[in-house]
Amino acid sequence: MEDPAAAKVAAGSVVPASTAPPPAAPEGGDAPYGTRDRVARSILDHGPSTAADLAKRLSLTPAAVRRHLDALAADGLVEPREQRVYGGRGRGRPAKVFALTDDGRDAFYQAYDQLAADALRWIAQIAGGGETGDAAVAEFARARFAAQAERYRRVVEAAGPEHRARALAEALTADGYAATARSAPAPAVVGRRARPTGEQLCQHHCPVAHIAEQFPQLCEAETEAFSQVLGTHVQRLATIAHGDGVCTTFVPAPVLHPGTAGRDVPVTDTPHGTTADTDTASASTAGRNPA
């Protein structure tokens, strides 16, 4: 039976990222694959977007963008959502954003999902299944991210404590994760004193999202790797594998204190107080949305 998402790719609705042509010409041109693909690709690269954001980003009219969004929605490739607001919400209804659906993401990647899932199931079975099998998959996931983490560590450490999250976002983007970092307030926790602001590391593209739905160890290992690379605990707020539009990780801002050798030592506020910059792994909620 033919995969509906693959059929849409073949029909030209959306072009897989690995075979994508250069950006199409502005509205009105007859470049291959057309403007609709540019709209879908912009959502993939930047995450859920409003029609106004897309129009500005692609130098199109809002009416043209809405027309392409309607067509993509009719094909089941994008869907409207209420925009998530961080911090205080102003008056009026929140803007509507458009996000890729599972079929929309499938049209860009996921060619080897079944092979990867079969391989991880085999690892779990060979290890004996059950908790032992889960532990074997987790060990594989940590080993998989170890090599990436080492590359990221060099980039992040060169950036300095206050720019680490943005440096990591750039390194992730170079690996195809379409990541960004932006300032954000710390997640509120009932019964705990106010915490300093930090940054939200957002990954708009996850090549293993469908596999991570079945094997959350992948998300957990990635979050642990981020914690080690950034030298602080981090908190995973959302994941594409869990059904969210973007993988979002909160990175607390470092508090710089004078070091004994004349240098600033980053100190981070943790749930247990203030600690020096270390390679401590993140909390046990890594890879899962907090309850």
C-alpha atoms as a PDB file:
ATOM      1  CA  MET A   1       0.000   0.000   0.000  1.00  0.00           C
ATOM      2  CA  GLU A   2       1.475   3.370  -1.003  1.00  0.00           C
ATOM      3  CA  ASP A   3       2.518   5.770   1.766  1.00  0.00           C
ATOM      4  CA  PRO A   4       0.285   8.910   1.476  1.00  0.00           C
ATOM      5  CA  ALA A   5       3.148  11.178   2.547  1.00  0.00           C
ATOM      6  CA  ALA A   6       5.478   9.653  -0.043  1.00  0.00           C
ATOM      7  CA  ALA A   7       2.815  10.114  -2.682  1.00  0.00           C
ATOM      8  CA  LYS A   8       2.601  13.812  -1.863  1.00  0.00           C
ATOM      9  CA  VAL A   9       6.359  14.100  -2.250  1.00  0.00           C
ATOM     10  CA  ALA A  10       6.213  12.362  -5.604  1.00  0.00           C
ATOM     11  CA  ALA A  11       3.419  14.690  -6.698  1.00  0.00           C
ATOM     12  CA  GLY A  12       5.561  17.707  -5.905  1.00  0.00           C
ATOM     13  CA  SER A  13       3.599  19.057  -2.921  1.00  0.00           C
ATOM     14  CA  VAL A  14       6.702  18.959  -0.733  1.00  0.00           C
ATOM     15  CA  VAL A  15      10.275  18.075  -1.663  1.00  0.00           C
ATOM     16  CA  PRO A  16      12.469  15.970   0.660  1.00  0.00           C
ATOM     17  CA  ALA A  17      15.208  18.039   2.310  1.00  0.00           C
ATOM     18  CA  SER A  18      17.958  15.793   0.927  1.00  0.00           C
ATOM     19  CA  THR A  19      16.952  16.436  -2.679  1.00  0.00           C
ATOM     20  CA  ALA A  20      15.730  20.021  -2.369  1.00  0.00           C
ATOM     21  CA  PRO A  21      16.599  22.480  -5.156  1.00  0.00           C
ATOM     22  CA  PRO A  22      17.815  26.028  -4.445  1.00  0.00           C
ATOM     23  CA  PRO A  23      15.119  28.404  -3.103  1.00  0.00           C
ATOM     24  CA  ALA A  24      12.374  29.069  -5.598  1.00  0.00           C
ATOM     25  CA  ALA A  25      11.850  32.392  -7.299  1.00  0.00           C
ATOM     26  CA  PRO A  26       9.525  34.980  -5.734  1.00  0.00           C
ATOM     27  CA  GLU A  27       5.760  34.709  -6.092  1.00  0.00           C
ATOM     28  CA  GLY A  28       4.654  34.544  -9.685  1.00  0.00           C
ATOM     29  CA  GLY A  29       7.682  32.631 -11.020  1.00  0.00           C
ATOM     30  CA  ASP A  30       7.615  29.101 -12.420  1.00  0.00           C
ATOM     31  CA  ALA A  31      10.661  27.734 -10.563  1.00  0.00           C
ATOM     32  CA  PRO A  32      10.663  23.969  -9.863  1.00  0.00           C
ATOM     33  CA  TYR A  33       8.462  22.793  -6.994  1.00  0.00           C
ATOM     34  CA  GLY A  34       7.026  26.279  -6.515  1.00  0.00           C
ATOM     35  CA  THR A  35       6.342  28.592  -3.668  1.00  0.00           C
ATOM     36  CA  ARG A  36       4.301  26.073  -1.704  1.00  0.00           C
ATOM     37  CA  ASP A  37       7.440  24.081  -0.976  1.00  0.00           C
ATOM     38  CA  ARG A  38       9.184  27.243   0.226  1.00  0.00           C
ATOM     39  CA  VAL A  39       6.334  27.893   2.653  1.00  0.00           C
ATOM     40  CA  ALA A  40       6.479  24.335   4.028  1.00  0.00           C
ATOM     41  CA  ARG A  41      10.273  24.414   4.252  1.00  0.00           C
ATOM     42  CA  SER A  42      10.202  27.717   6.131  1.00  0.00           C
ATOM     43  CA  ILE A  43       7.896  26.169   8.736  1.00  0.00           C
ATOM     44  CA  LEU A  44      10.252  23.192   9.000  1.00  0.00           C
ATOM     45  CA  ASP A  45      13.294  25.430   9.500  1.00  0.00           C
ATOM     46  CA  HIS A  46      11.728  27.992  11.842  1.00  0.00           C
ATOM     47  CA  GLY A  47       8.979  26.066  13.587  1.00  0.00           C
ATOM     48  CA  PRO A  48       5.274  26.982  13.875  1.00  0.00           C
ATOM     49  CA  SER A  49       4.799  30.337  12.129  1.00  0.00           C
ATOM     50  CA  THR A  50       2.068  32.882  11.545  1.00  0.00           C
ATOM     51  CA  ALA A  51       1.048  33.858   8.030  1.00  0.00           C
ATOM     52  CA  ALA A  52       2.558  37.296   8.673  1.00  0.00           C
ATOM     53  CA  ASP A  53       5.890  35.766   9.730  1.00  0.00           C
ATOM     54  CA  LEU A  54       5.986  33.606   6.613  1.00  0.00           C
ATOM     55  CA  ALA A  55       5.104  36.523   4.357  1.00  0.00           C
ATOM     56  CA  LYS A  56       7.942  38.621   5.773  1.00  0.00           C
ATOM     57  CA  ARG A  57      10.425  35.737   5.737  1.00  0.00           C
ATOM     58  CA  LEU A  58       9.683  34.766   2.126  1.00  0.00           C
ATOM     59  CA  SER A  59       8.972  38.253   0.714  1.00  0.00           C
ATOM     60  CA  LEU A  60       5.423  37.258  -0.242  1.00  0.00           C
ATOM     61  CA  THR A  61       2.089  38.939   0.285  1.00  0.00           C
ATOM     62  CA  PRO A  62       0.021  37.708   3.251  1.00  0.00           C
ATOM     63  CA  ALA A  63      -2.763  36.738   0.840  1.00  0.00           C
ATOM     64  CA  ALA A  64      -0.380  34.555  -1.188  1.00  0.00           C
ATOM     65  CA  VAL A  65       0.928  32.861   1.953  1.00  0.00           C
ATOM     66  CA  ARG A  66      -2.601  32.140   3.195  1.00  0.00           C
ATOM     67  CA  ARG A  67      -3.466  30.605  -0.171  1.00  0.00           C
ATOM     68  CA  HIS A  68      -0.491  28.226   0.025  1.00  0.00           C
ATOM     69  CA  LEU A  69      -1.232  27.425   3.682  1.00  0.00           C
ATOM     70  CA  ASP A  70      -4.803  26.533   2.755  1.00  0.00           C
ATOM     71  CA  ALA A  71      -3.510  24.188   0.046  1.00  0.00           C
ATOM     72  CA  LEU A  72      -0.979  22.574   2.391  1.00  0.00           C
ATOM     73  CA  ALA A  73      -3.660  22.158   5.055  1.00  0.00           C
ATOM     74  CA  ALA A  74      -6.000  20.554   2.509  1.00  0.00           C
ATOM     75  CA  ASP A  75      -3.218  18.052   1.743  1.00  0.00           C
ATOM     76  CA  GLY A  76      -2.806  17.321   5.449  1.00  0.00           C
ATOM     77  CA  LEU A  77       0.745  18.686   5.525  1.00  0.00           C
ATOM     78  CA  VAL A  78       0.212  21.646   7.896  1.00  0.00           C
ATOM     79  CA  GLU A  79      -2.307  22.429  10.611  1.00  0.00           C
ATOM     80  CA  PRO A  80      -3.302  25.628  12.442  1.00  0.00           C
ATOM     81  CA  ARG A  81      -2.591  25.912  16.154  1.00  0.00           C
ATOM     82  CA  GLU A  82      -2.960  28.512  18.864  1.00  0.00           C
ATOM     83  CA  GLN A  83       0.345  30.306  19.333  1.00  0.00           C
ATOM     84  CA  ARG A  84       2.154  29.390  22.554  1.00  0.00           C
ATOM     85  CA  VAL A  85       2.872  32.516  24.580  1.00  0.00           C
ATOM     86  CA  TYR A  86       5.784  32.676  27.028  1.00  0.00           C
ATOM     87  CA  GLY A  87       5.387  35.043  29.956  1.00  0.00           C
ATOM     88  CA  GLY A  88       2.397  37.380  30.287  1.00  0.00           C
ATOM     89  CA  ARG A  89      -0.253  37.295  27.566  1.00  0.00           C
ATOM     90  CA  GLY A  90      -1.522  40.589  26.182  1.00  0.00           C
ATOM     91  CA  ARG A  91      -5.078  41.467  25.287  1.00  0.00           C
ATOM     92  CA  GLY A  92      -6.920  39.889  22.397  1.00  0.00           C
ATOM     93  CA  ARG A  93      -6.851  36.439  20.885  1.00  0.00           C
ATOM     94  CA  PRO A  94      -3.428  34.854  20.337  1.00  0.00           C
ATOM     95  CA  ALA A  95      -2.217  34.709  16.760  1.00  0.00           C
ATOM     96  CA  LYS A  96      -2.788  31.502  14.811  1.00  0.00           C
ATOM     97  CA  VAL A  97       0.364  29.649  13.825  1.00  0.00           C
ATOM     98  CA  PHE A  98       0.809  26.885  11.283  1.00  0.00           C
ATOM     99  CA  ALA A  99       2.861  23.774  12.084  1.00  0.00           C
ATOM    100  CA  LEU A 100       3.857  20.749  10.040  1.00  0.00           C
ATOM    101  CA  THR A 101       1.819  17.611  10.668  1.00  0.00           C
ATOM    102  CA  ASP A 102       3.374  14.164  10.911  1.00  0.00           C
ATOM    103  CA  ASP A 103       2.678  13.697   7.192  1.00  0.00           C
ATOM    104  CA  GLY A 104       4.334  17.033   6.507  1.00  0.00           C
ATOM    105  CA  ARG A 105       7.461  15.979   8.361  1.00  0.00           C
ATOM    106  CA  ASP A 106       7.369  12.578   6.680  1.00  0.00           C
ATOM    107  CA  ALA A 107       7.483  14.334   3.331  1.00  0.00           C
ATOM    108  CA  PHE A 108      10.836  15.863   4.214  1.00  0.00           C
ATOM    109  CA  TYR A 109      12.565  12.979   5.953  1.00  0.00           C
ATOM    110  CA  GLN A 110      12.001   9.678   7.801  1.00  0.00           C
ATOM    111  CA  ALA A 111      13.165   7.453   4.936  1.00  0.00           C
ATOM    112  CA  TYR A 112      14.922   5.025   7.286  1.00  0.00           C
ATOM    113  CA  ASP A 113      12.529   5.041  10.228  1.00  0.00           C
ATOM    114  CA  GLN A 114      11.543   1.390   9.932  1.00  0.00           C
ATOM    115  CA  LEU A 115      15.132   0.203   9.632  1.00  0.00           C
ATOM    116  CA  ALA A 116      16.177   2.222  12.693  1.00  0.00           C
ATOM    117  CA  ALA A 117      13.204   1.017  14.746  1.00  0.00           C
ATOM    118  CA  ASP A 118      13.911  -2.612  13.827  1.00  0.00           C
ATOM    119  CA  ALA A 119      17.566  -2.207  14.812  1.00  0.00           C
ATOM    120  CA  LEU A 120      16.693  -0.759  18.235  1.00  0.00           C
ATOM    121  CA  ARG A 121      14.126  -3.485  18.862  1.00  0.00           C
ATOM    122  CA  TRP A 122      16.794  -6.058  17.975  1.00  0.00           C
ATOM    123  CA  ILE A 123      19.207  -4.471  20.485  1.00  0.00           C
ATOM    124  CA  ALA A 124      16.533  -4.660  23.187  1.00  0.00           C
ATOM    125  CA  GLN A 125      15.679  -8.281  22.366  1.00  0.00           C
ATOM    126  CA  ILE A 126      19.314  -9.439  22.251  1.00  0.00           C
ATOM    127  CA  ALA A 127      19.846  -7.848  25.666  1.00  0.00           C
ATOM    128  CA  GLY A 128      16.999  -9.898  27.096  1.00  0.00           C
ATOM    129  CA  GLY A 129      14.021  -7.558  26.729  1.00  0.00           C
ATOM    130  CA  GLY A 130      12.196  -5.799  29.555  1.00  0.00           C
ATOM    131  CA  GLU A 131      14.163  -3.376  31.707  1.00  0.00           C
ATOM    132  CA  THR A 132      17.454  -4.930  30.583  1.00  0.00           C
ATOM    133  CA  GLY A 133      16.508  -4.321  26.962  1.00  0.00           C
ATOM    134  CA  ASP A 134      15.479  -0.724  27.715  1.00  0.00           C
ATOM    135  CA  ALA A 135      18.833  -0.180  29.433  1.00  0.00           C
ATOM    136  CA  ALA A 136      20.668  -1.533  26.386  1.00  0.00           C
ATOM    137  CA  VAL A 137      18.833   0.903  24.109  1.00  0.00           C
ATOM    138  CA  ALA A 138      19.647   3.743  26.530  1.00  0.00           C
ATOM    139  CA  GLU A 139      23.332   2.762  26.455  1.00  0.00           C
ATOM    140  CA  PHE A 140      23.270   2.799  22.654  1.00  0.00           C
ATOM    141  CA  ALA A 141      21.583   6.228  22.680  1.00  0.00           C
ATOM    142  CA  ARG A 142      24.207   7.675  25.024  1.00  0.00           C
ATOM    143  CA  ALA A 143      27.010   6.264  22.855  1.00  0.00           C
ATOM    144  CA  ARG A 144      25.355   7.723  19.758  1.00  0.00           C
ATOM    145  CA  PHE A 145      25.264  11.226  21.242  1.00  0.00           C
ATOM    146  CA  ALA A 146      28.753  10.999  22.779  1.00  0.00           C
ATOM    147  CA  ALA A 147      30.548  11.701  19.505  1.00  0.00           C
ATOM    148  CA  GLN A 148      28.231  14.603  18.684  1.00  0.00           C
ATOM    149  CA  ALA A 149      28.580  15.984  22.195  1.00  0.00           C
ATOM    150  CA  GLU A 150      32.359  16.060  21.918  1.00  0.00           C
ATOM    151  CA  ARG A 151      32.165  18.123  18.732  1.00  0.00           C
ATOM    152  CA  TYR A 152      29.593  20.445  20.288  1.00  0.00           C
ATOM    153  CA  ARG A 153      31.670  20.842  23.451  1.00  0.00           C
ATOM    154  CA  ARG A 154      34.566  22.412  21.567  1.00  0.00           C
ATOM    155  CA  VAL A 155      32.277  24.957  19.914  1.00  0.00           C
ATOM    156  CA  VAL A 156      30.383  25.753  23.113  1.00  0.00           C
ATOM    157  CA  GLU A 157      33.451  26.184  25.309  1.00  0.00           C
ATOM    158  CA  ALA A 158      34.982  28.570  22.783  1.00  0.00           C
ATOM    159  CA  ALA A 159      31.871  30.768  22.971  1.00  0.00           C
ATOM    160  CA  GLY A 160      32.025  31.643  26.677  1.00  0.00           C
ATOM    161  CA  PRO A 161      29.407  30.973  29.406  1.00  0.00           C
ATOM    162  CA  GLU A 162      26.904  33.660  28.399  1.00  0.00           C
ATOM    163  CA  HIS A 163      26.786  32.530  24.753  1.00  0.00           C
ATOM    164  CA  ARG A 164      26.823  28.761  25.210  1.00  0.00           C
ATOM    165  CA  ALA A 165      23.168  28.079  24.367  1.00  0.00           C
ATOM    166  CA  ARG A 166      23.379  30.062  21.138  1.00  0.00           C
ATOM    167  CA  ALA A 167      26.633  28.360  20.179  1.00  0.00           C
ATOM    168  CA  LEU A 168      25.020  24.969  20.749  1.00  0.00           C
ATOM    169  CA  ALA A 169      22.033  26.032  18.617  1.00  0.00           C
ATOM    170  CA  GLU A 170      24.370  26.938  15.762  1.00  0.00           C
ATOM    171  CA  ALA A 171      26.169  23.598  16.048  1.00  0.00           C
ATOM    172  CA  LEU A 172      22.856  21.718  16.054  1.00  0.00           C
ATOM    173  CA  THR A 173      21.681  23.674  13.007  1.00  0.00           C
ATOM    174  CA  ALA A 174      24.838  22.667  11.156  1.00  0.00           C
ATOM    175  CA  ASP A 175      23.808  19.056  11.848  1.00  0.00           C
ATOM    176  CA  GLY A 176      20.325  19.625  10.427  1.00  0.00           C
ATOM    177  CA  TYR A 177      18.293  20.265  13.597  1.00  0.00           C
ATOM    178  CA  ALA A 178      17.240  23.831  12.631  1.00  0.00           C
ATOM    179  CA  ALA A 179      17.884  25.046  16.180  1.00  0.00           C
ATOM    180  CA  THR A 180      17.515  28.499  17.717  1.00  0.00           C
ATOM    181  CA  ALA A 181      18.092  29.987  21.160  1.00  0.00           C
ATOM    182  CA  ARG A 182      16.136  32.852  22.674  1.00  0.00           C
ATOM    183  CA  SER A 183      15.851  34.532  26.054  1.00  0.00           C
ATOM    184  CA  ALA A 184      13.009  33.253  28.221  1.00  0.00           C
ATOM    185  CA  PRO A 185      11.868  33.226  31.850  1.00  0.00           C
ATOM    186  CA  ALA A 186      12.574  30.113  33.894  1.00  0.00           C
ATOM    187  CA  PRO A 187       9.699  27.610  34.141  1.00  0.00           C
ATOM    188  CA  ALA A 188       7.577  28.301  37.224  1.00  0.00           C
ATOM    189  CA  VAL A 189       7.716  25.680  39.979  1.00  0.00           C
ATOM    190  CA  VAL A 190       5.153  25.827  42.799  1.00  0.00           C
ATOM    191  CA  GLY A 191       6.739  26.255  46.223  1.00  0.00           C
ATOM    192  CA  ARG A 192      10.145  27.225  44.887  1.00  0.00           C
ATOM    193  CA  ARG A 193      11.671  30.687  44.970  1.00  0.00           C
ATOM    194  CA  ALA A 194      11.815  32.669  41.750  1.00  0.00           C
ATOM    195  CA  ARG A 195      14.609  31.567  39.470  1.00  0.00           C
ATOM    196  CA  PRO A 196      16.661  33.709  37.064  1.00  0.00           C
ATOM    197  CA  THR A 197      15.889  33.972  33.398  1.00  0.00           C
ATOM    198  CA  GLY A 198      17.719  31.838  30.903  1.00  0.00           C
ATOM    199  CA  GLU A 199      17.393  30.729  27.309  1.00  0.00           C
ATOM    200  CA  GLN A 200      15.164  28.315  25.481  1.00  0.00           C
ATOM    201  CA  LEU A 201      16.977  26.038  23.069  1.00  0.00           C
ATOM    202  CA  CYS A 202      14.471  25.145  20.341  1.00  0.00           C
ATOM    203  CA  GLN A 203      14.970  22.389  17.760  1.00  0.00           C
ATOM    204  CA  HIS A 204      12.480  22.797  14.931  1.00  0.00           C
ATOM    205  CA  HIS A 205      13.599  19.688  13.074  1.00  0.00           C
ATOM    206  CA  CYS A 206      14.208  16.217  14.540  1.00  0.00           C
ATOM    207  CA  PRO A 207      15.384  13.528  12.108  1.00  0.00           C
ATOM    208  CA  VAL A 208      14.567  10.771  14.615  1.00  0.00           C
ATOM    209  CA  ALA A 209      11.229  12.079  15.926  1.00  0.00           C
ATOM    210  CA  HIS A 210       9.185   9.021  14.947  1.00  0.00           C
ATOM    211  CA  ILE A 211      11.796   6.639  16.370  1.00  0.00           C
ATOM    212  CA  ALA A 212      11.907   8.636  19.617  1.00  0.00           C
ATOM    213  CA  GLU A 213       8.140   8.161  19.947  1.00  0.00           C
ATOM    214  CA  GLN A 214       8.850   4.453  20.394  1.00  0.00           C
ATOM    215  CA  PHE A 215      12.215   4.819  22.169  1.00  0.00           C
ATOM    216  CA  PRO A 216      12.219   7.846  24.530  1.00  0.00           C
ATOM    217  CA  GLN A 217      15.763   6.886  25.530  1.00  0.00           C
ATOM    218  CA  LEU A 218      16.904   8.888  22.490  1.00  0.00           C
ATOM    219  CA  CYS A 219      15.409  12.119  23.882  1.00  0.00           C
ATOM    220  CA  GLU A 220      16.739  11.363  27.357  1.00  0.00           C
ATOM    221  CA  ALA A 221      20.274  10.763  26.073  1.00  0.00           C
ATOM    222  CA  GLU A 222      20.167  13.951  24.009  1.00  0.00           C
ATOM    223  CA  THR A 223      19.092  16.005  27.031  1.00  0.00           C
ATOM    224  CA  GLU A 224      21.860  14.468  29.154  1.00  0.00           C
ATOM    225  CA  ALA A 225      24.352  15.349  26.409  1.00  0.00           C
ATOM    226  CA  PHE A 226      23.127  18.963  26.364  1.00  0.00           C
ATOM    227  CA  SER A 227      23.593  19.151  30.129  1.00  0.00           C
ATOM    228  CA  GLN A 228      27.161  17.861  29.867  1.00  0.00           C
ATOM    229  CA  VAL A 229      28.069  20.113  26.943  1.00  0.00           C
ATOM    230  CA  LEU A 230      26.601  23.245  28.550  1.00  0.00           C
ATOM    231  CA  GLY A 231      28.042  22.426  31.959  1.00  0.00           C
ATOM    232  CA  THR A 232      24.742  22.896  33.798  1.00  0.00           C
ATOM    233  CA  HIS A 233      21.471  21.119  34.445  1.00  0.00           C
ATOM    234  CA  VAL A 234      18.844  21.698  31.757  1.00  0.00           C
ATOM    235  CA  GLN A 235      15.091  21.093  31.676  1.00  0.00           C
ATOM    236  CA  ARG A 236      13.323  19.571  28.676  1.00  0.00           C
ATOM    237  CA  LEU A 237       9.967  21.333  28.265  1.00  0.00           C
ATOM    238  CA  ALA A 238       8.625  19.824  25.051  1.00  0.00           C
ATOM    239  CA  THR A 239       9.533  17.329  22.340  1.00  0.00           C
ATOM    240  CA  ILE A 240       8.414  16.746  18.783  1.00  0.00           C
ATOM    241  CA  ALA A 241       8.290  13.030  19.605  1.00  0.00           C
ATOM    242  CA  HIS A 242       5.736  13.805  22.337  1.00  0.00           C
ATOM    243  CA  GLY A 243       3.527  15.655  19.857  1.00  0.00           C
ATOM    244  CA  ASP A 244       4.789  19.201  20.360  1.00  0.00           C
ATOM    245  CA  GLY A 245       5.702  21.409  17.426  1.00  0.00           C
ATOM    246  CA  VAL A 246       9.254  22.036  18.640  1.00  0.00           C
ATOM    247  CA  CYS A 247      11.745  20.315  20.953  1.00  0.00           C
ATOM    248  CA  THR A 248      12.283  22.922  23.684  1.00  0.00           C
ATOM    249  CA  THR A 249      14.947  22.838  26.402  1.00  0.00           C
ATOM    250  CA  PHE A 250      15.344  25.476  29.118  1.00  0.00           C
ATOM    251  CA  VAL A 251      18.944  26.463  29.847  1.00  0.00           C
ATOM    252  CA  PRO A 252      19.351  28.592  33.010  1.00  0.00           C
ATOM    253  CA  ALA A 253      21.472  31.705  32.706  1.00  0.00           C
ATOM    254  CA  PRO A 254      24.921  31.427  34.294  1.00  0.00           C
ATOM    255  CA  VAL A 255      25.655  33.658  37.273  1.00  0.00           C
ATOM    256  CA  LEU A 256      29.249  34.796  37.029  1.00  0.00           C
ATOM    257  CA  HIS A 257      31.337  35.038  40.202  1.00  0.00           C
ATOM    258  CA  PRO A 258      34.998  36.119  40.343  1.00  0.00           C
ATOM    259  CA  GLY A 259      37.285  33.088  40.280  1.00  0.00           C
ATOM    260  CA  THR A 260      40.328  32.652  42.465  1.00  0.00           C
ATOM    261  CA  ALA A 261      42.619  32.793  39.451  1.00  0.00           C
ATOM    262  CA  GLY A 262      41.281  36.111  38.160  1.00  0.00           C
ATOM    263  CA  ARG A 263      38.657  34.633  35.882  1.00  0.00           C
ATOM    264  CA  ASP A 264      34.884  34.457  36.050  1.00  0.00           C
ATOM    265  CA  VAL A 265      33.452  31.102  37.087  1.00  0.00           C
ATOM    266  CA  PRO A 266      29.908  30.389  35.869  1.00  0.00           C
ATOM    267  CA  VAL A 267      27.618  29.396  38.738  1.00  0.00           C
ATOM    268  CA  THR A 268      24.151  28.006  38.079  1.00  0.00           C
ATOM    269  CA  ASP A 269      20.991  28.080  40.152  1.00  0.00           C
ATOM    270  CA  THR A 270      19.774  24.499  40.603  1.00  0.00           C
ATOM    271  CA  PRO A 271      16.765  22.989  42.391  1.00  0.00           C
ATOM    272  CA  HIS A 272      19.117  22.265  45.323  1.00  0.00           C
ATOM    273  CA  GLY A 273      20.772  25.681  45.510  1.00  0.00           C
ATOM    274  CA  THR A 274      23.630  27.359  43.690  1.00  0.00           C
ATOM    275  CA  THR A 275      26.439  25.216  42.328  1.00  0.00           C
ATOM    276  CA  ALA A 276      29.558  25.750  40.292  1.00  0.00           C
ATOM    277  CA  ASP A 277      29.692  24.909  36.594  1.00  0.00           C
ATOM    278  CA  THR A 278      29.987  21.113  36.258  1.00  0.00           C
ATOM    279  CA  ASP A 279      29.208  18.317  33.864  1.00  0.00           C
ATOM    280  CA  THR A 280      26.318  17.066  36.011  1.00  0.00           C
ATOM    281  CA  ALA A 281      23.586  15.355  34.033  1.00  0.00           C
ATOM    282  CA  SER A 282      20.097  16.838  33.860  1.00  0.00           C
ATOM    283  CA  ALA A 283      17.105  15.865  35.965  1.00  0.00           C
ATOM    284  CA  SER A 284      15.249  12.611  35.476  1.00  0.00           C
ATOM    285  CA  THR A 285      12.633  14.417  33.403  1.00  0.00           C
ATOM    286  CA  ALA A 286      15.071  14.495  30.476  1.00  0.00           C
ATOM    287  CA  GLY A 287      13.306  13.630  27.260  1.00  0.00           C
ATOM    288  CA  ARG A 288       9.847  13.810  28.781  1.00  0.00           C
ATOM    289  CA  ASN A 289       7.427  16.682  29.231  1.00  0.00           C
ATOM    290  CA  PRO A 290       7.066  17.605  32.912  1.00  0.00           C
ATOM    291  CA  ALA A 291       3.786  16.334  34.386  1.00  0.00           C
END
